[in-house]
Every structure is written in structure tokens, then in C-alpha cells.
Amino acid sequence: MIIAEIAGLASLGACLGAAIAAIGAGIGIGKIGGAAMEAIARQPESSGDIRSNMIVIAALIEGVALFAVIVCVLALFI
């Protein structure tokens, strides 16, 4: 009986962890996009460099979020 309750809480914690990771990634990428658009509006001649840096940073954030979600899924099934 106690093991079933612990398993239920573990699955709840894994789901909450995955949700927080996804929300955090969305907020981070949104801030990057907004800052990049402001920077391009201020200096249009450097839009290529800003855009490429934005894509690299967004990919790094997505990678970290993916790792967090995978860890939560592993915690759910193990």
C-alpha cells in the first residue's frame, strides 16, 4: 500500500518536472527571440550575426529542456 502511494507521487513529480522544463524552455526562447528582434531593430546591418547567435542559443536551451524531459520520463518508468 505504501509502495503504491510512493509510485503515485513519483509519477506526479515526474510529470511536474517535465512541465516545468518545457515551460522554462518556452520562456527562455521567447526572451531570446524578443531580445534578438530588438537588437535587429537597433542595428539592421548585423542581423545575420544576431540571428545565427539566436539560433545557436535557442538550440542549446532546447537541448537542456530535452535532457530534463528525458530524465523525468526515466524517473517515471524506473
PDB file of N, CA and C in Angstrom:
ATOM      1  N   MET A   1       0.818  -1.184   0.000  1.00  0.00           N
ATOM      2  CA  MET A   1       0.000   0.000   0.000  1.00  0.00           C
ATOM      3  C   MET A   1       0.871   1.260   0.000  1.00  0.00           C
ATOM      4  N   ILE A   2       1.897   1.273   0.804  1.00  0.00           N
ATOM      5  CA  ILE A   2       2.779   2.437   0.857  1.00  0.00           C
ATOM      6  C   ILE A   2       3.552   2.574  -0.449  1.00  0.00           C
ATOM      7  N   ILE A   3       3.933   1.451  -1.057  1.00  0.00           N
ATOM      8  CA  ILE A   3       4.675   1.493  -2.320  1.00  0.00           C
ATOM      9  C   ILE A   3       3.809   2.089  -3.425  1.00  0.00           C
ATOM     10  N   ALA A   4       2.524   1.784  -3.440  1.00  0.00           N
ATOM     11  CA  ALA A   4       1.617   2.343  -4.441  1.00  0.00           C
ATOM     12  C   ALA A   4       1.492   3.856  -4.277  1.00  0.00           C
ATOM     13  N   GLU A   5       1.449   4.320  -3.041  1.00  0.00           N
ATOM     14  CA  GLU A   5       1.371   5.767  -2.812  1.00  0.00           C
ATOM     15  C   GLU A   5       2.645   6.459  -3.250  1.00  0.00           C
ATOM     16  N   ILE A   6       3.780   5.840  -2.986  1.00  0.00           N
ATOM     17  CA  ILE A   6       5.059   6.418  -3.397  1.00  0.00           C
ATOM     18  C   ILE A   6       5.164   6.446  -4.915  1.00  0.00           C
ATOM     19  N   ALA A   7       4.703   5.399  -5.583  1.00  0.00           N
ATOM     20  CA  ALA A   7       4.731   5.355  -7.044  1.00  0.00           C
ATOM     21  C   ALA A   7       3.841   6.447  -7.632  1.00  0.00           C
ATOM     22  N   GLY A   8       2.702   6.687  -7.003  1.00  0.00           N
ATOM     23  CA  GLY A   8       1.815   7.751  -7.473  1.00  0.00           C
ATOM     24  C   GLY A   8       2.449   9.122  -7.330  1.00  0.00           C
ATOM     25  N   LEU A   9       3.094   9.357  -6.215  1.00  0.00           N
ATOM     26  CA  LEU A   9       3.775  10.637  -6.019  1.00  0.00           C
ATOM     27  C   LEU A   9       4.976  10.785  -6.949  1.00  0.00           C
ATOM     28  N   ALA A  10       5.660   9.683  -7.226  1.00  0.00           N
ATOM     29  CA  ALA A  10       6.798   9.733  -8.139  1.00  0.00           C
ATOM     30  C   ALA A  10       6.341  10.098  -9.546  1.00  0.00           C
ATOM     31  N   SER A  11       5.233   9.532  -9.977  1.00  0.00           N
ATOM     32  CA  SER A  11       4.734   9.869 -11.312  1.00  0.00           C
ATOM     33  C   SER A  11       4.252  11.314 -11.370  1.00  0.00           C
ATOM     34  N   LEU A  12       3.651  11.776 -10.299  1.00  0.00           N
ATOM     35  CA  LEU A  12       3.232  13.176 -10.248  1.00  0.00           C
ATOM     36  C   LEU A  12       4.443  14.102 -10.299  1.00  0.00           C
ATOM     37  N   GLY A  13       5.486  13.766  -9.556  1.00  0.00           N
ATOM     38  CA  GLY A  13       6.700  14.576  -9.569  1.00  0.00           C
ATOM     39  C   GLY A  13       7.380  14.581 -10.924  1.00  0.00           C
ATOM     40  N   ALA A  14       7.395  13.430 -11.605  1.00  0.00           N
ATOM     41  CA  ALA A  14       7.999  13.362 -12.932  1.00  0.00           C
ATOM     42  C   ALA A  14       7.219  14.209 -13.931  1.00  0.00           C
ATOM     43  N   CYS A  15       5.904  14.169 -13.849  1.00  0.00           N
ATOM     44  CA  CYS A  15       5.087  14.977 -14.755  1.00  0.00           C
ATOM     45  C   CYS A  15       5.267  16.471 -14.489  1.00  0.00           C
ATOM     46  N   LEU A  16       5.322  16.840 -13.225  1.00  0.00           N
ATOM     47  CA  LEU A  16       5.546  18.255 -12.893  1.00  0.00           C
ATOM     48  C   LEU A  16       6.932  18.720 -13.333  1.00  0.00           C
ATOM     49  N   GLY A  17       7.935  17.844 -13.182  1.00  0.00           N
ATOM     50  CA  GLY A  17       9.281  18.201 -13.621  1.00  0.00           C
ATOM     51  C   GLY A  17       9.351  18.416 -15.115  1.00  0.00           C
ATOM     52  N   ALA A  18       8.698  17.553 -15.888  1.00  0.00           N
ATOM     53  CA  ALA A  18       8.680  17.713 -17.345  1.00  0.00           C
ATOM     54  C   ALA A  18       7.946  18.991 -17.742  1.00  0.00           C
ATOM     55  N   ALA A  19       6.863  19.297 -17.051  1.00  0.00           N
ATOM     56  CA  ALA A  19       6.110  20.513 -17.358  1.00  0.00           C
ATOM     57  C   ALA A  19       6.925  21.763 -17.051  1.00  0.00           C
ATOM     58  N   ILE A  20       7.617  21.764 -15.940  1.00  0.00           N
ATOM     59  CA  ILE A  20       8.446  22.925 -15.581  1.00  0.00           C
ATOM     60  C   ILE A  20       9.584  23.103 -16.573  1.00  0.00           C
ATOM     61  N   ALA A  21      10.180  21.992 -17.020  1.00  0.00           N
ATOM     62  CA  ALA A  21      11.258  22.080 -18.012  1.00  0.00           C
ATOM     63  C   ALA A  21      10.748  22.653 -19.333  1.00  0.00           C
ATOM     64  N   ALA A  22       9.576  22.226 -19.768  1.00  0.00           N
ATOM     65  CA  ALA A  22       9.013  22.730 -21.024  1.00  0.00           C
ATOM     66  C   ALA A  22       8.629  24.203 -20.915  1.00  0.00           C
ATOM     67  N   ILE A  23       8.054  24.576 -19.785  1.00  0.00           N
ATOM     68  CA  ILE A  23       7.678  25.977 -19.594  1.00  0.00           C
ATOM     69  C   ILE A  23       8.916  26.868 -19.529  1.00  0.00           C
ATOM     70  N   GLY A  24       9.936  26.405 -18.820  1.00  0.00           N
ATOM     71  CA  GLY A  24      11.173  27.179 -18.731  1.00  0.00           C
ATOM     72  C   GLY A  24      11.842  27.362 -20.080  1.00  0.00           C
ATOM     73  N   ALA A  25      11.836  26.318 -20.889  1.00  0.00           N
ATOM     74  CA  ALA A  25      12.419  26.430 -22.226  1.00  0.00           C
ATOM     75  C   ALA A  25      11.626  27.412 -23.087  1.00  0.00           C
ATOM     76  N   GLY A  26      10.311  27.362 -22.976  1.00  0.00           N
ATOM     77  CA  GLY A  26       9.487  28.289 -23.743  1.00  0.00           C
ATOM     78  C   GLY A  26       9.723  29.740 -23.348  1.00  0.00           C
ATOM     79  N   ILE A  27       9.838  29.978 -22.065  1.00  0.00           N
ATOM     80  CA  ILE A  27      10.104  31.337 -21.586  1.00  0.00           C
ATOM     81  C   ILE A  27      11.487  31.803 -22.048  1.00  0.00           C
ATOM     82  N   GLY A  28      12.474  30.919 -21.938  1.00  0.00           N
ATOM     83  CA  GLY A  28      13.829  31.289 -22.357  1.00  0.00           C
ATOM     84  C   GLY A  28      13.926  31.605 -23.830  1.00  0.00           C
ATOM     85  N   ILE A  29      13.312  30.789 -24.669  1.00  0.00           N
ATOM     86  CA  ILE A  29      13.365  31.032 -26.106  1.00  0.00           C
ATOM     87  C   ILE A  29      12.575  32.286 -26.466  1.00  0.00           C
ATOM     88  N   GLY A  30      11.484  32.530 -25.764  1.00  0.00           N
ATOM     89  CA  GLY A  30      10.731  33.759 -26.003  1.00  0.00           C
ATOM     90  C   GLY A  30      11.535  35.006 -25.676  1.00  0.00           C
ATOM     91  N   LYS A  31      12.268  34.958 -24.566  1.00  0.00           N
ATOM     92  CA  LYS A  31      13.115  36.102 -24.209  1.00  0.00           C
ATOM     93  C   LYS A  31      14.236  36.303 -25.222  1.00  0.00           C
ATOM     94  N   ILE A  32      14.812  35.193 -25.698  1.00  0.00           N
ATOM     95  CA  ILE A  32      15.872  35.298 -26.699  1.00  0.00           C
ATOM     96  C   ILE A  32      15.335  35.910 -27.982  1.00  0.00           C
ATOM     97  N   GLY A  33      14.159  35.440 -28.418  1.00  0.00           N
ATOM     98  CA  GLY A  33      13.569  35.970 -29.650  1.00  0.00           C
ATOM     99  C   GLY A  33      13.251  37.453 -29.531  1.00  0.00           C
ATOM    100  N   GLY A  34      12.691  37.851 -28.400  1.00  0.00           N
ATOM    101  CA  GLY A  34      12.374  39.269 -28.204  1.00  0.00           C
ATOM    102  C   GLY A  34      13.610  40.149 -28.185  1.00  0.00           C
ATOM    103  N   ALA A  35      14.637  39.672 -27.488  1.00  0.00           N
ATOM    104  CA  ALA A  35      15.875  40.456 -27.428  1.00  0.00           C
ATOM    105  C   ALA A  35      16.552  40.523 -28.793  1.00  0.00           C
ATOM    106  N   ALA A  36      16.473  39.431 -29.544  1.00  0.00           N
ATOM    107  CA  ALA A  36      17.082  39.434 -30.878  1.00  0.00           C
ATOM    108  C   ALA A  36      16.344  40.396 -31.809  1.00  0.00           C
ATOM    109  N   MET A  37      15.015  40.436 -31.718  1.00  0.00           N
ATOM    110  CA  MET A  37      14.267  41.359 -32.571  1.00  0.00           C
ATOM    111  C   MET A  37      14.571  42.818 -32.218  1.00  0.00           C
ATOM    112  N   GLU A  38      14.728  43.103 -30.935  1.00  0.00           N
ATOM    113  CA  GLU A  38      15.107  44.460 -30.541  1.00  0.00           C
ATOM    114  C   GLU A  38      16.502  44.809 -31.052  1.00  0.00           C
ATOM    115  N   ALA A  39      17.426  43.853 -30.964  1.00  0.00           N
ATOM    116  CA  ALA A  39      18.784  44.115 -31.428  1.00  0.00           C
ATOM    117  C   ALA A  39      18.822  44.317 -32.936  1.00  0.00           C
ATOM    118  N   ILE A  40      18.037  43.532 -33.672  1.00  0.00           N
ATOM    119  CA  ILE A  40      17.999  43.696 -35.128  1.00  0.00           C
ATOM    120  C   ILE A  40      17.353  45.026 -35.493  1.00  0.00           C
ATOM    121  N   ALA A  41      16.352  45.454 -34.726  1.00  0.00           N
ATOM    122  CA  ALA A  41      15.721  46.748 -34.994  1.00  0.00           C
ATOM    123  C   ALA A  41      16.693  47.901 -34.750  1.00  0.00           C
ATOM    124  N   ARG A  42      17.586  47.734 -33.783  1.00  0.00           N
ATOM    125  CA  ARG A  42      18.547  48.803 -33.489  1.00  0.00           C
ATOM    126  C   ARG A  42      19.714  48.823 -34.473  1.00  0.00           C
ATOM    127  N   GLN A  43      20.164  47.638 -34.887  1.00  0.00           N
ATOM    128  CA  GLN A  43      21.291  47.542 -35.816  1.00  0.00           C
ATOM    129  C   GLN A  43      20.953  46.548 -36.929  1.00  0.00           C
ATOM    130  N   PRO A  44      20.249  46.996 -37.944  1.00  0.00           N
ATOM    131  CA  PRO A  44      19.828  46.077 -39.005  1.00  0.00           C
ATOM    132  C   PRO A  44      20.996  45.496 -39.811  1.00  0.00           C
ATOM    133  N   GLU A  45      22.121  46.175 -39.831  1.00  0.00           N
ATOM    134  CA  GLU A  45      23.264  45.688 -40.612  1.00  0.00           C
ATOM    135  C   GLU A  45      23.900  44.439 -40.016  1.00  0.00           C
ATOM    136  N   SER A  46      23.668  44.174 -38.753  1.00  0.00           N
ATOM    137  CA  SER A  46      24.237  42.980 -38.126  1.00  0.00           C
ATOM    138  C   SER A  46      23.177  41.916 -37.854  1.00  0.00           C
ATOM    139  N   SER A  47      22.129  41.906 -38.656  1.00  0.00           N
ATOM    140  CA  SER A  47      21.035  40.972 -38.416  1.00  0.00           C
ATOM    141  C   SER A  47      21.450  39.520 -38.640  1.00  0.00           C
ATOM    142  N   GLY A  48      22.373  39.259 -39.559  1.00  0.00           N
ATOM    143  CA  GLY A  48      22.829  37.892 -39.808  1.00  0.00           C
ATOM    144  C   GLY A  48      23.541  37.298 -38.610  1.00  0.00           C
ATOM    145  N   ASP A  49      24.430  38.081 -38.013  1.00  0.00           N
ATOM    146  CA  ASP A  49      25.152  37.596 -36.827  1.00  0.00           C
ATOM    147  C   ASP A  49      24.209  37.392 -35.643  1.00  0.00           C
ATOM    148  N   ILE A  50      23.308  38.317 -35.450  1.00  0.00           N
ATOM    149  CA  ILE A  50      22.369  38.210 -34.337  1.00  0.00           C
ATOM    150  C   ILE A  50      21.476  36.988 -34.517  1.00  0.00           C
ATOM    151  N   ARG A  51      20.997  36.792 -35.746  1.00  0.00           N
ATOM    152  CA  ARG A  51      20.106  35.652 -35.998  1.00  0.00           C
ATOM    153  C   ARG A  51      20.825  34.325 -35.791  1.00  0.00           C
ATOM    154  N   SER A  52      22.060  34.229 -36.254  1.00  0.00           N
ATOM    155  CA  SER A  52      22.784  32.959 -36.080  1.00  0.00           C
ATOM    156  C   SER A  52      23.082  32.692 -34.609  1.00  0.00           C
ATOM    157  N   ASN A  53      23.446  33.713 -33.855  1.00  0.00           N
ATOM    158  CA  ASN A  53      23.663  33.535 -32.414  1.00  0.00           C
ATOM    159  C   ASN A  53      22.364  33.153 -31.703  1.00  0.00           C
ATOM    160  N   MET A  54      21.258  33.733 -32.137  1.00  0.00           N
ATOM    161  CA  MET A  54      19.974  33.410 -31.532  1.00  0.00           C
ATOM    162  C   MET A  54      19.614  31.941 -31.772  1.00  0.00           C
ATOM    163  N   ILE A  55      19.870  31.457 -32.963  1.00  0.00           N
ATOM    164  CA  ILE A  55      19.548  30.060 -33.279  1.00  0.00           C
ATOM    165  C   ILE A  55      20.411  29.110 -32.469  1.00  0.00           C
ATOM    166  N   VAL A  56      21.685  29.431 -32.309  1.00  0.00           N
ATOM    167  CA  VAL A  56      22.574  28.567 -31.520  1.00  0.00           C
ATOM    168  C   VAL A  56      22.133  28.524 -30.060  1.00  0.00           C
ATOM    169  N   ILE A  57      21.822  29.665 -29.488  1.00  0.00           N
ATOM    170  CA  ILE A  57      21.412  29.707 -28.091  1.00  0.00           C
ATOM    171  C   ILE A  57      20.065  29.008 -27.892  1.00  0.00           C
ATOM    172  N   ALA A  58      19.139  29.195 -28.838  1.00  0.00           N
ATOM    173  CA  ALA A  58      17.848  28.512 -28.741  1.00  0.00           C
ATOM    174  C   ALA A  58      18.024  26.999 -28.824  1.00  0.00           C
ATOM    175  N   ALA A  59      18.948  26.535 -29.660  1.00  0.00           N
ATOM    176  CA  ALA A  59      19.209  25.098 -29.760  1.00  0.00           C
ATOM    177  C   ALA A  59      19.794  24.557 -28.458  1.00  0.00           C
ATOM    178  N   LEU A  60      20.662  25.328 -27.820  1.00  0.00           N
ATOM    179  CA  LEU A  60      21.216  24.892 -26.538  1.00  0.00           C
ATOM    180  C   LEU A  60      20.128  24.802 -25.466  1.00  0.00           C
ATOM    181  N   ILE A  61      19.229  25.756 -25.453  1.00  0.00           N
ATOM    182  CA  ILE A  61      18.133  25.722 -24.483  1.00  0.00           C
ATOM    183  C   ILE A  61      17.225  24.523 -24.747  1.00  0.00           C
ATOM    184  N   GLU A  62      16.931  24.270 -26.016  1.00  0.00           N
ATOM    185  CA  GLU A  62      16.094  23.112 -26.349  1.00  0.00           C
ATOM    186  C   GLU A  62      16.783  21.809 -25.943  1.00  0.00           C
ATOM    187  N   GLY A  63      18.108  21.750 -26.087  1.00  0.00           N
ATOM    188  CA  GLY A  63      18.840  20.552 -25.683  1.00  0.00           C
ATOM    189  C   GLY A  63      18.742  20.312 -24.189  1.00  0.00           C
ATOM    190  N   VAL A  64      18.892  21.348 -23.410  1.00  0.00           N
ATOM    191  CA  VAL A  64      18.789  21.218 -21.956  1.00  0.00           C
ATOM    192  C   VAL A  64      17.368  20.818 -21.557  1.00  0.00           C
ATOM    193  N   ALA A  65      16.376  21.404 -22.208  1.00  0.00           N
ATOM    194  CA  ALA A  65      14.984  21.049 -21.903  1.00  0.00           C
ATOM    195  C   ALA A  65      14.702  19.599 -22.283  1.00  0.00           C
ATOM    196  N   LEU A  66      15.251  19.143 -23.397  1.00  0.00           N
ATOM    197  CA  LEU A  66      15.056  17.758 -23.805  1.00  0.00           C
ATOM    198  C   LEU A  66      15.675  16.806 -22.794  1.00  0.00           C
ATOM    199  N   PHE A  67      16.886  17.122 -22.318  1.00  0.00           N
ATOM    200  CA  PHE A  67      17.509  16.291 -21.290  1.00  0.00           C
ATOM    201  C   PHE A  67      16.655  16.254 -20.027  1.00  0.00           C
ATOM    202  N   ALA A  68      16.102  17.391 -19.638  1.00  0.00           N
ATOM    203  CA  ALA A  68      15.266  17.437 -18.434  1.00  0.00           C
ATOM    204  C   ALA A  68      14.014  16.583 -18.603  1.00  0.00           C
ATOM    205  N   VAL A  69      13.388  16.659 -19.764  1.00  0.00           N
ATOM    206  CA  VAL A  69      12.184  15.867 -20.005  1.00  0.00           C
ATOM    207  C   VAL A  69      12.533  14.375 -20.035  1.00  0.00           C
ATOM    208  N   ILE A  70      13.663  14.014 -20.639  1.00  0.00           N
ATOM    209  CA  ILE A  70      14.069  12.607 -20.682  1.00  0.00           C
ATOM    210  C   ILE A  70      14.342  12.091 -19.275  1.00  0.00           C
ATOM    211  N   VAL A  71      14.985  12.883 -18.430  1.00  0.00           N
ATOM    212  CA  VAL A  71      15.237  12.468 -17.051  1.00  0.00           C
ATOM    213  C   VAL A  71      13.916  12.267 -16.316  1.00  0.00           C
ATOM    214  N   CYS A  72      12.946  13.140 -16.551  1.00  0.00           N
ATOM    215  CA  CYS A  72      11.643  12.984 -15.899  1.00  0.00           C
ATOM    216  C   CYS A  72      10.923  11.726 -16.404  1.00  0.00           C
ATOM    217  N   VAL A  73      11.031  11.439 -17.693  1.00  0.00           N
ATOM    218  CA  VAL A  73      10.390  10.232 -18.223  1.00  0.00           C
ATOM    219  C   VAL A  73      11.073   8.986 -17.666  1.00  0.00           C
ATOM    220  N   LEU A  74      12.396   9.021 -17.566  1.00  0.00           N
ATOM    221  CA  LEU A  74      13.100   7.883 -16.973  1.00  0.00           C
ATOM    222  C   LEU A  74      12.711   7.701 -15.507  1.00  0.00           C
ATOM    223  N   ALA A  75      12.546   8.793 -14.794  1.00  0.00           N
ATOM    224  CA  ALA A  75      12.121   8.698 -13.394  1.00  0.00           C
ATOM    225  C   ALA A  75      10.706   8.139 -13.299  1.00  0.00           C
ATOM    226  N   LEU A  76       9.917   8.390 -14.315  1.00  0.00           N
ATOM    227  CA  LEU A  76       8.542   7.897 -14.326  1.00  0.00           C
ATOM    228  C   LEU A  76       8.496   6.380 -14.508  1.00  0.00           C
ATOM    229  N   PHE A  77       9.380   5.847 -15.355  1.00  0.00           N
ATOM    230  CA  PHE A  77       9.319   4.423 -15.687  1.00  0.00           C
ATOM    231  C   PHE A  77      10.306   3.544 -14.916  1.00  0.00           C
ATOM    232  N   ILE A  78      11.212   4.151 -14.210  1.00  0.00           N
ATOM    233  CA  ILE A  78      12.195   3.338 -13.471  1.00  0.00           C
ATOM    234  C   ILE A  78      11.889   3.374 -11.986  1.00  0.00           C
TER     235      ILE A  78
END
